[in-house]
Amino acid sequence: MAEELRRNNRFGEAINVYREAAEASDVTDDIRRKALASVELMQEINGFVNVDLMNP
């Protein structure tokens, strides 16, 4: 589900799903690490600013 949200550029919803997965009590360390890495990547994408386009 989170992958589909991410592919459809619904980053806010995907971040919520990934965070829920990372905080689940029965999640493995590998899945937790991957979920948190996905959250970090999406936050970087959302925060990206091309300063060359802002300063013509």
N, C-alpha and C. Protein backbone atom coordinates (compact mmCIF):
# COMPACT_ATOMS: atom_id res chain seq x y z
N MET A 1 0.82 -1.19 0.00
CA MET A 1 0.00 0.00 0.00
C MET A 1 0.86 1.26 0.00
N ALA A 2 1.88 1.31 0.85
CA ALA A 2 2.74 2.48 0.93
C ALA A 2 3.48 2.70 -0.38
N GLU A 3 3.89 1.63 -1.03
CA GLU A 3 4.59 1.76 -2.31
C GLU A 3 3.69 2.39 -3.36
N GLU A 4 2.44 1.99 -3.37
CA GLU A 4 1.49 2.55 -4.34
C GLU A 4 1.26 4.03 -4.06
N LEU A 5 1.12 4.39 -2.80
CA LEU A 5 0.96 5.80 -2.44
C LEU A 5 2.16 6.61 -2.89
N ARG A 6 3.36 6.06 -2.65
CA ARG A 6 4.58 6.76 -3.04
C ARG A 6 4.66 6.93 -4.56
N ARG A 7 4.33 5.89 -5.30
CA ARG A 7 4.36 5.96 -6.76
C ARG A 7 3.37 7.00 -7.30
N ASN A 8 2.28 7.21 -6.57
CA ASN A 8 1.26 8.18 -6.98
C ASN A 8 1.50 9.56 -6.38
N ASN A 9 2.71 9.78 -5.86
CA ASN A 9 3.11 11.07 -5.28
C ASN A 9 2.23 11.51 -4.12
N ARG A 10 1.71 10.57 -3.39
CA ARG A 10 0.92 10.87 -2.19
C ARG A 10 1.84 10.64 -0.99
N PHE A 11 2.87 11.49 -0.91
CA PHE A 11 3.94 11.30 0.06
C PHE A 11 3.48 11.39 1.51
N GLY A 12 2.60 12.31 1.82
CA GLY A 12 2.13 12.46 3.19
C GLY A 12 1.49 11.19 3.71
N GLU A 13 0.61 10.61 2.89
CA GLU A 13 -0.05 9.37 3.29
C GLU A 13 0.94 8.22 3.37
N ALA A 14 1.87 8.16 2.41
CA ALA A 14 2.86 7.09 2.41
C ALA A 14 3.76 7.18 3.64
N ILE A 15 4.14 8.39 4.02
CA ILE A 15 4.97 8.58 5.22
C ILE A 15 4.23 8.06 6.45
N ASN A 16 2.95 8.35 6.55
CA ASN A 16 2.17 7.86 7.68
C ASN A 16 2.14 6.34 7.73
N VAL A 17 1.97 5.69 6.59
CA VAL A 17 1.94 4.23 6.54
C VAL A 17 3.30 3.65 6.92
N TYR A 18 4.37 4.24 6.38
CA TYR A 18 5.71 3.76 6.72
C TYR A 18 6.02 3.94 8.21
N ARG A 19 5.61 5.05 8.77
CA ARG A 19 5.86 5.28 10.20
C ARG A 19 5.08 4.30 11.06
N GLU A 20 3.83 4.02 10.68
CA GLU A 20 3.05 3.04 11.41
C GLU A 20 3.73 1.67 11.35
N ALA A 21 4.26 1.32 10.19
CA ALA A 21 4.95 0.04 10.03
C ALA A 21 6.20 0.00 10.91
N ALA A 22 6.94 1.09 10.96
CA ALA A 22 8.17 1.14 11.75
C ALA A 22 7.88 1.04 13.24
N GLU A 23 6.73 1.55 13.66
CA GLU A 23 6.39 1.57 15.09
C GLU A 23 5.62 0.33 15.55
N ALA A 24 5.28 -0.56 14.64
CA ALA A 24 4.54 -1.77 15.01
C ALA A 24 5.39 -2.63 15.94
N SER A 25 4.73 -3.28 16.87
CA SER A 25 5.46 -4.06 17.87
C SER A 25 6.07 -5.34 17.31
N ASP A 26 5.52 -5.87 16.25
CA ASP A 26 6.01 -7.15 15.71
C ASP A 26 6.89 -7.00 14.48
N VAL A 27 7.36 -5.79 14.21
CA VAL A 27 8.17 -5.55 13.01
C VAL A 27 9.62 -5.95 13.26
N THR A 28 10.27 -6.45 12.19
CA THR A 28 11.68 -6.82 12.31
C THR A 28 12.55 -5.57 12.18
N ASP A 29 13.79 -5.67 12.62
CA ASP A 29 14.71 -4.54 12.52
C ASP A 29 14.95 -4.14 11.07
N ASP A 30 15.00 -5.11 10.18
CA ASP A 30 15.23 -4.83 8.77
C ASP A 30 14.08 -4.02 8.18
N ILE A 31 12.86 -4.42 8.46
CA ILE A 31 11.71 -3.69 7.95
C ILE A 31 11.64 -2.30 8.58
N ARG A 32 11.92 -2.19 9.86
CA ARG A 32 11.92 -0.89 10.54
C ARG A 32 12.92 0.05 9.88
N ARG A 33 14.12 -0.45 9.62
CA ARG A 33 15.17 0.36 9.00
C ARG A 33 14.77 0.81 7.59
N LYS A 34 14.17 -0.09 6.80
CA LYS A 34 13.75 0.25 5.45
C LYS A 34 12.60 1.26 5.46
N ALA A 35 11.67 1.10 6.39
CA ALA A 35 10.54 2.03 6.48
C ALA A 35 11.03 3.43 6.85
N LEU A 36 11.92 3.51 7.81
CA LEU A 36 12.44 4.81 8.22
C LEU A 36 13.30 5.45 7.13
N ALA A 37 14.01 4.63 6.37
CA ALA A 37 14.80 5.15 5.24
C ALA A 37 13.86 5.70 4.17
N SER A 38 12.74 5.05 3.94
CA SER A 38 11.77 5.54 2.97
C SER A 38 11.17 6.86 3.42
N VAL A 39 10.88 6.98 4.70
CA VAL A 39 10.35 8.24 5.24
C VAL A 39 11.37 9.35 5.03
N GLU A 40 12.62 9.08 5.33
CA GLU A 40 13.66 10.10 5.17
C GLU A 40 13.81 10.52 3.72
N LEU A 41 13.75 9.57 2.80
CA LEU A 41 13.87 9.88 1.38
C LEU A 41 12.71 10.75 0.91
N MET A 42 11.50 10.42 1.31
CA MET A 42 10.35 11.22 0.90
C MET A 42 10.40 12.62 1.50
N GLN A 43 10.90 12.75 2.69
CA GLN A 43 11.04 14.07 3.29
C GLN A 43 12.07 14.91 2.54
N GLU A 44 13.14 14.27 2.07
CA GLU A 44 14.13 14.98 1.26
C GLU A 44 13.52 15.43 -0.06
N ILE A 45 12.72 14.56 -0.67
CA ILE A 45 12.08 14.90 -1.94
C ILE A 45 11.14 16.09 -1.74
N ASN A 46 10.35 16.06 -0.69
CA ASN A 46 9.41 17.15 -0.42
C ASN A 46 10.11 18.46 -0.09
N GLY A 47 11.29 18.39 0.50
CA GLY A 47 12.00 19.59 0.90
C GLY A 47 12.97 20.12 -0.14
N PHE A 48 13.05 19.45 -1.29
CA PHE A 48 14.01 19.85 -2.32
C PHE A 48 13.63 21.21 -2.92
N VAL A 49 14.62 22.06 -3.04
CA VAL A 49 14.43 23.37 -3.66
C VAL A 49 15.58 23.58 -4.64
N ASN A 50 15.24 23.89 -5.88
CA ASN A 50 16.25 24.19 -6.88
C ASN A 50 16.50 25.70 -6.85
N VAL A 51 17.57 26.11 -6.21
CA VAL A 51 17.84 27.54 -6.04
C VAL A 51 18.14 28.22 -7.38
N ASP A 52 18.60 27.49 -8.36
CA ASP A 52 18.86 28.09 -9.68
C ASP A 52 17.56 28.56 -10.34
N LEU A 53 16.48 27.87 -10.09
CA LEU A 53 15.20 28.28 -10.66
C LEU A 53 14.60 29.46 -9.91
N MET A 54 15.01 29.64 -8.67
CA MET A 54 14.47 30.74 -7.86
C MET A 54 15.20 32.05 -8.09
N ASN A 55 16.44 31.98 -8.58
CA ASN A 55 17.26 33.17 -8.78
C ASN A 55 17.68 33.27 -10.24
N PRO A 56 16.82 33.80 -11.09
CA PRO A 56 17.16 33.86 -12.53
C PRO A 56 18.29 34.80 -12.85
